[in-house]
């Protein structure tokens, strides 16, 4: 029954995300909507504008899906010989590599950092534990990227680190993407461990002579794993949002950077309707991001179901 509820909630969330994405992408842009009769009075003028606005809004959406139905494609791009599908295949795998590395690194080092924070909560090392976690959660991500650029420019071979020409060009963006999610996981893990601290089964384990590391690994972390698994989709969404910002700031040739260009980020003006943005490409990237989060959500549901069956 619980799995059925989760499935319904997930389906509704995906549908709402798609609707919101479509409404956002095809929002009419520009300062006017055609030739408007100047003889209209103020009230009629405003009503005419509003009516024309929704007419254009509807037309943008209908024309896009008609094109998909007729041509079995999301459309073309600013390059006449390149379709949306080709751009997705070219750019999204590069970003997916960063996303997966950042996701895995965030979980592994976040859990380790959370355990360190928990074990040193009431010691002098708490400044290095919860103190650093709080610090990196408080600093905006773009500021961390700027600091990394500064250090690379003055102390490291920046061209080698942030260049798209090297096979390891994904390494620096993946590391930057994982910073905030790691601290998020660390904070969540530490709080989960503290909530279990002092419970009867913990005192019993210590009374039997188990060391702190054994108690954490065998007892506390097993229960905290449920909290971590439940937050996997949230962690993935944080990673993806960071990826969009990091790719743009570092110039990494991935989906985030290409999506910014598709939205008109390098154009002088954004015109009426969707003429100056690559709506199909933006929609395609949005589908890829939603699908990635959806896969993680399904994995979460499967893992929670298996753990609940085992009585964890």
Protein backbone atom coordinates (compact mmCIF):
# COMPACT_ATOMS: atom_id res chain seq x y z
CA UNK A 1 0.00 0.00 0.00
CA UNK A 2 2.88 2.34 0.87
CA UNK A 3 4.55 1.55 -2.44
CA UNK A 4 1.32 2.35 -4.27
CA UNK A 5 1.09 5.74 -2.53
CA UNK A 6 4.70 6.52 -3.40
CA UNK A 7 4.08 5.57 -7.02
CA UNK A 8 1.06 7.87 -7.22
CA UNK A 9 2.95 10.74 -5.60
CA UNK A 10 5.86 10.19 -7.98
CA UNK A 11 3.60 10.16 -11.04
CA UNK A 12 1.86 13.36 -9.95
CA UNK A 13 5.22 15.04 -9.25
CA UNK A 14 6.54 14.13 -12.71
CA UNK A 15 3.38 15.40 -14.42
CA UNK A 16 3.49 18.68 -12.49
CA UNK A 17 7.19 19.09 -13.26
CA UNK A 18 6.53 18.60 -16.98
CA UNK A 19 3.61 21.04 -16.96
CA UNK A 20 5.66 23.66 -15.12
CA UNK A 21 8.58 23.16 -17.53
CA UNK A 22 6.35 23.56 -20.59
CA UNK A 23 4.67 26.68 -19.20
CA UNK A 24 8.03 28.20 -18.35
CA UNK A 25 9.73 27.46 -21.67
CA UNK A 26 6.93 28.68 -23.89
CA UNK A 27 6.12 31.80 -21.90
CA UNK A 28 5.66 34.62 -24.49
CA UNK A 29 8.59 37.01 -24.55
CA UNK A 30 8.86 40.51 -25.98
CA UNK A 31 7.33 43.87 -25.27
CA UNK A 32 4.35 43.59 -27.61
CA UNK A 33 2.09 40.97 -29.19
CA UNK A 34 1.45 42.22 -32.67
CA UNK A 35 -0.18 45.35 -33.93
CA UNK A 36 -2.49 46.69 -31.22
CA UNK A 37 -5.15 49.27 -32.19
CA UNK A 38 -4.27 52.55 -30.46
CA UNK A 39 -7.90 53.72 -30.51
CA UNK A 40 -8.91 51.28 -27.80
CA UNK A 41 -9.64 52.71 -24.37
CA UNK A 42 -7.47 51.71 -21.42
CA UNK A 43 -9.72 48.93 -20.18
CA UNK A 44 -10.30 47.48 -23.63
CA UNK A 45 -6.60 47.91 -24.44
CA UNK A 46 -5.54 45.90 -21.38
CA UNK A 47 -8.15 43.25 -22.10
CA UNK A 48 -6.94 42.97 -25.68
CA UNK A 49 -3.34 42.62 -24.51
CA UNK A 50 -4.25 39.90 -22.02
CA UNK A 51 -6.31 38.01 -24.58
CA UNK A 52 -3.54 38.20 -27.17
CA UNK A 53 -0.98 37.13 -24.58
CA UNK A 54 -2.83 33.88 -23.83
CA UNK A 55 -3.48 33.31 -27.52
CA UNK A 56 0.25 33.51 -28.24
CA UNK A 57 0.99 31.35 -25.19
CA UNK A 58 -1.38 28.66 -26.44
CA UNK A 59 -0.05 28.91 -29.98
CA UNK A 60 3.56 28.40 -28.85
CA UNK A 61 2.67 25.19 -27.01
CA UNK A 62 0.34 23.79 -29.68
CA UNK A 63 2.79 24.43 -32.52
CA UNK A 64 5.62 22.76 -30.63
CA UNK A 65 3.69 19.55 -29.97
CA UNK A 66 2.27 19.54 -33.47
CA UNK A 67 5.83 19.61 -34.78
CA UNK A 68 6.73 16.67 -32.53
CA UNK A 69 3.71 14.69 -33.76
CA UNK A 70 4.32 15.40 -37.43
CA UNK A 71 8.12 15.11 -37.58
CA UNK A 72 8.82 12.76 -34.64
CA UNK A 73 11.47 15.20 -33.44
CA UNK A 74 11.89 17.95 -30.88
CA UNK A 75 12.94 20.26 -33.68
CA UNK A 76 16.06 22.01 -34.85
CA UNK A 77 18.66 24.19 -33.20
CA UNK A 78 20.52 27.39 -34.09
CA UNK A 79 22.70 25.20 -36.31
CA UNK A 80 20.76 24.36 -39.46
CA UNK A 81 22.23 20.87 -39.84
CA UNK A 82 21.91 19.87 -36.19
CA UNK A 83 18.73 18.54 -34.56
CA UNK A 84 17.82 18.69 -30.89
CA UNK A 85 18.40 14.95 -30.56
CA UNK A 86 21.97 15.28 -31.85
CA UNK A 87 22.70 18.05 -29.36
CA UNK A 88 21.27 15.99 -26.51
CA UNK A 89 23.45 13.02 -27.44
CA UNK A 90 26.48 15.28 -27.75
CA UNK A 91 26.16 17.25 -24.51
CA UNK A 92 24.11 15.36 -21.94
CA UNK A 93 26.47 12.37 -21.50
CA UNK A 94 29.22 14.85 -20.57
CA UNK A 95 27.03 16.37 -17.90
CA UNK A 96 25.75 12.98 -16.77
CA UNK A 97 29.34 11.97 -16.04
CA UNK A 98 29.72 15.02 -13.77
CA UNK A 99 26.33 14.36 -12.17
CA UNK A 100 27.09 10.73 -11.34
CA UNK A 101 30.57 11.46 -10.01
CA UNK A 102 29.26 14.35 -7.92
CA UNK A 103 26.37 12.19 -6.66
CA UNK A 104 28.58 9.26 -5.61
CA UNK A 105 31.28 11.51 -4.10
CA UNK A 106 28.63 13.46 -2.17
CA UNK A 107 27.20 10.31 -0.60
CA UNK A 108 30.50 8.62 0.27
CA UNK A 109 32.35 11.63 1.66
CA UNK A 110 29.15 13.14 3.07
CA UNK A 111 28.52 10.05 5.19
CA UNK A 112 32.15 9.95 6.34
CA UNK A 113 32.04 13.68 7.17
CA UNK A 114 28.75 13.18 9.02
CA UNK A 115 30.23 10.41 11.15
CA UNK A 116 33.24 12.62 11.91
CA UNK A 117 30.93 15.49 12.89
CA UNK A 118 28.89 13.18 15.12
CA UNK A 119 31.89 11.69 16.92
CA UNK A 120 33.39 15.12 17.58
CA UNK A 121 30.22 17.05 18.41
CA UNK A 122 31.20 17.48 22.04
CA UNK A 123 34.97 17.78 21.56
CA UNK A 124 37.37 20.51 20.55
CA UNK A 125 37.43 19.06 17.04
CA UNK A 126 33.84 20.17 16.55
CA UNK A 127 35.17 23.30 14.83
CA UNK A 128 36.63 21.07 12.12
CA UNK A 129 33.50 18.95 12.12
CA UNK A 130 30.18 20.76 12.34
CA UNK A 131 31.98 24.10 11.98
CA UNK A 132 33.26 23.39 8.48
CA UNK A 133 29.97 21.76 7.49
CA UNK A 134 28.08 24.89 8.51
CA UNK A 135 30.64 27.11 6.77
CA UNK A 136 30.41 25.41 3.37
CA UNK A 137 26.62 25.26 3.60
CA UNK A 138 26.51 29.00 4.29
CA UNK A 139 28.83 30.10 1.49
CA UNK A 140 27.10 30.46 -1.91
CA UNK A 141 28.24 27.88 -4.45
CA UNK A 142 29.30 30.46 -7.02
CA UNK A 143 31.63 32.02 -4.41
CA UNK A 144 33.34 28.65 -3.92
CA UNK A 145 33.79 28.38 -7.71
CA UNK A 146 35.26 31.89 -7.84
CA UNK A 147 37.74 30.99 -5.07
CA UNK A 148 38.69 27.84 -7.00
CA UNK A 149 39.30 29.94 -10.11
CA UNK A 150 41.45 32.35 -8.12
CA UNK A 151 43.58 29.56 -6.67
CA UNK A 152 43.90 27.86 -10.05
CA UNK A 153 44.84 31.10 -11.79
CA UNK A 154 47.62 32.07 -9.37
CA UNK A 155 48.87 28.77 -8.00
CA UNK A 156 47.88 26.00 -10.43
CA UNK A 157 48.03 25.40 -14.19
CA UNK A 158 44.50 26.72 -14.82
CA UNK A 159 44.59 25.87 -18.53
CA UNK A 160 45.15 22.22 -17.71
CA UNK A 161 42.51 22.07 -14.96
CA UNK A 162 39.58 23.87 -16.61
CA UNK A 163 40.32 23.16 -20.28
CA UNK A 164 37.77 21.21 -22.34
CA UNK A 165 40.53 19.72 -24.47
CA UNK A 166 41.82 17.30 -21.85
CA UNK A 167 40.28 13.88 -21.22
CA UNK A 168 40.05 14.69 -17.50
CA UNK A 169 38.22 17.99 -18.06
CA UNK A 170 35.27 16.63 -16.06
CA UNK A 171 37.34 16.27 -12.86
CA UNK A 172 37.35 19.89 -11.65
CA UNK A 173 33.63 20.56 -12.37
CA UNK A 174 32.67 17.25 -10.73
CA UNK A 175 34.63 18.18 -7.60
CA UNK A 176 33.04 21.63 -7.45
CA UNK A 177 29.57 20.16 -8.00
CA UNK A 178 29.97 17.77 -5.06
CA UNK A 179 30.98 20.32 -2.40
CA UNK A 180 27.57 21.53 -1.27
CA UNK A 181 25.80 18.13 -1.61
CA UNK A 182 28.58 16.57 0.47
CA UNK A 183 27.93 19.04 3.27
CA UNK A 184 24.20 18.47 2.92
CA UNK A 185 24.67 14.71 3.34
CA UNK A 186 27.12 15.28 6.21
CA UNK A 187 24.62 17.46 8.07
CA UNK A 188 21.80 15.00 7.47
CA UNK A 189 23.93 12.04 8.60
CA UNK A 190 25.12 13.83 11.73
CA UNK A 191 21.57 14.82 12.73
CA UNK A 192 20.34 11.26 12.14
CA UNK A 193 23.12 9.84 14.30
CA UNK A 194 22.49 12.38 17.08
CA UNK A 195 18.78 11.51 17.09
CA UNK A 196 19.67 7.90 17.90
CA UNK A 197 22.33 8.77 20.44
CA UNK A 198 21.40 7.68 23.95
CA UNK A 199 18.71 5.20 22.97
CA UNK A 200 18.48 1.88 24.78
CA UNK A 201 20.00 -0.28 22.06
CA UNK A 202 22.97 2.07 21.83
CA UNK A 203 23.63 1.91 25.58
CA UNK A 204 23.24 -1.86 25.47
CA UNK A 205 25.81 -2.14 22.68
CA UNK A 206 28.32 -0.04 24.66
CA UNK A 207 27.58 -2.08 27.78
CA UNK A 208 28.53 -5.26 25.89
CA UNK A 209 31.97 -3.79 25.26
CA UNK A 210 31.60 -2.69 21.63
CA UNK A 211 33.84 0.16 20.55
CA UNK A 212 32.37 3.41 19.22
CA UNK A 213 33.28 2.54 15.62
CA UNK A 214 31.57 -0.85 15.90
CA UNK A 215 28.42 0.66 17.40
CA UNK A 216 28.22 3.27 14.65
CA UNK A 217 28.83 0.80 11.81
CA UNK A 218 26.69 -2.08 13.10
CA UNK A 219 23.80 -0.30 14.73
CA UNK A 220 23.44 3.45 14.25
CA UNK A 221 24.38 3.67 10.56
CA UNK A 222 22.06 0.80 9.69
CA UNK A 223 19.10 2.85 10.89
CA UNK A 224 20.48 6.10 9.48
CA UNK A 225 20.71 4.44 6.07
CA UNK A 226 16.93 4.69 5.81
CA UNK A 227 17.11 8.46 6.22
CA UNK A 228 19.89 8.71 3.64
CA UNK A 229 18.06 6.56 1.08
CA UNK A 230 14.88 8.61 1.54
CA UNK A 231 16.83 11.77 0.62
CA UNK A 232 18.54 10.36 -2.49
CA UNK A 233 16.26 12.22 -4.97
CA UNK A 234 16.82 15.48 -3.08
CA UNK A 235 20.58 14.95 -3.20
CA UNK A 236 20.37 14.33 -6.94
CA UNK A 237 18.37 17.53 -7.48
CA UNK A 238 20.97 19.50 -5.52
CA UNK A 239 23.75 17.98 -7.65
CA UNK A 240 21.94 18.83 -10.91
CA UNK A 241 21.23 22.42 -9.83
CA UNK A 242 24.89 22.84 -8.88
CA UNK A 243 25.96 21.32 -12.19
CA UNK A 244 24.05 23.97 -14.16
CA UNK A 245 25.81 26.77 -12.31
CA UNK A 246 29.29 25.18 -12.29
CA UNK A 247 29.26 24.37 -16.02
CA UNK A 248 28.36 27.94 -16.87
CA UNK A 249 31.01 29.47 -14.60
CA UNK A 250 33.78 27.06 -15.63
CA UNK A 251 32.88 27.01 -19.33
CA UNK A 252 32.58 23.22 -19.35
CA UNK A 253 31.04 22.03 -22.62
CA UNK A 254 28.13 20.14 -21.14
CA UNK A 255 24.34 20.25 -21.05
CA UNK A 256 24.20 23.05 -18.49
CA UNK A 257 26.35 25.40 -20.54
CA UNK A 258 24.56 24.48 -23.78
CA UNK A 259 21.19 25.00 -22.12
CA UNK A 260 22.22 28.50 -21.09
CA UNK A 261 23.07 29.27 -24.72
CA UNK A 262 19.76 27.76 -25.85
CA UNK A 263 17.93 30.14 -23.51
CA UNK A 264 19.53 33.09 -25.25
CA UNK A 265 22.24 33.69 -22.68
CA UNK A 266 24.71 34.86 -25.32
CA UNK A 267 22.32 36.91 -27.40
CA UNK A 268 21.73 40.63 -27.22
CA UNK A 269 17.95 40.39 -27.21
CA UNK A 270 15.26 37.87 -26.47
CA UNK A 271 12.49 38.25 -29.01
CA UNK A 272 8.82 37.52 -29.22
CA UNK A 273 7.53 34.01 -28.58
CA UNK A 274 10.24 31.37 -28.83
CA UNK A 275 11.99 32.71 -31.95
CA UNK A 276 15.26 33.59 -30.22
CA UNK A 277 15.50 30.62 -27.89
CA UNK A 278 15.89 26.96 -28.76
CA UNK A 279 12.71 25.81 -27.04
CA UNK A 280 12.98 22.23 -28.23
CA UNK A 281 16.52 21.88 -26.93
CA UNK A 282 15.65 23.40 -23.55
CA UNK A 283 12.68 21.04 -23.29
CA UNK A 284 14.91 18.09 -24.21
CA UNK A 285 17.48 18.91 -21.55
CA UNK A 286 14.67 19.39 -19.01
CA UNK A 287 13.36 15.92 -19.87
CA UNK A 288 16.84 14.48 -19.34
CA UNK A 289 17.15 16.11 -15.91
CA UNK A 290 13.67 14.98 -14.88
CA UNK A 291 14.40 11.44 -16.09
CA UNK A 292 17.64 11.34 -14.09
CA UNK A 293 15.86 12.35 -10.88
CA UNK A 294 13.05 9.90 -11.68
CA UNK A 295 15.51 6.99 -11.97
CA UNK A 296 17.01 7.88 -8.58
CA UNK A 297 13.53 8.10 -7.09
CA UNK A 298 12.66 4.63 -8.41
CA UNK A 299 15.94 3.26 -7.00
CA UNK A 300 15.02 4.84 -3.65
CA UNK A 301 11.63 3.15 -3.64
CA UNK A 302 13.15 -0.24 -4.47
CA UNK A 303 15.81 0.06 -1.76
CA UNK A 304 13.32 1.17 0.90
CA UNK A 305 10.99 -1.67 -0.03
CA UNK A 306 13.76 -4.27 0.28
CA UNK A 307 14.95 -2.84 3.60
CA UNK A 308 11.43 -2.76 5.02
CA UNK A 309 10.93 -6.41 4.01
CA UNK A 310 14.10 -7.30 5.89
CA UNK A 311 12.81 -5.45 8.93
CA UNK A 312 15.52 -2.79 8.87
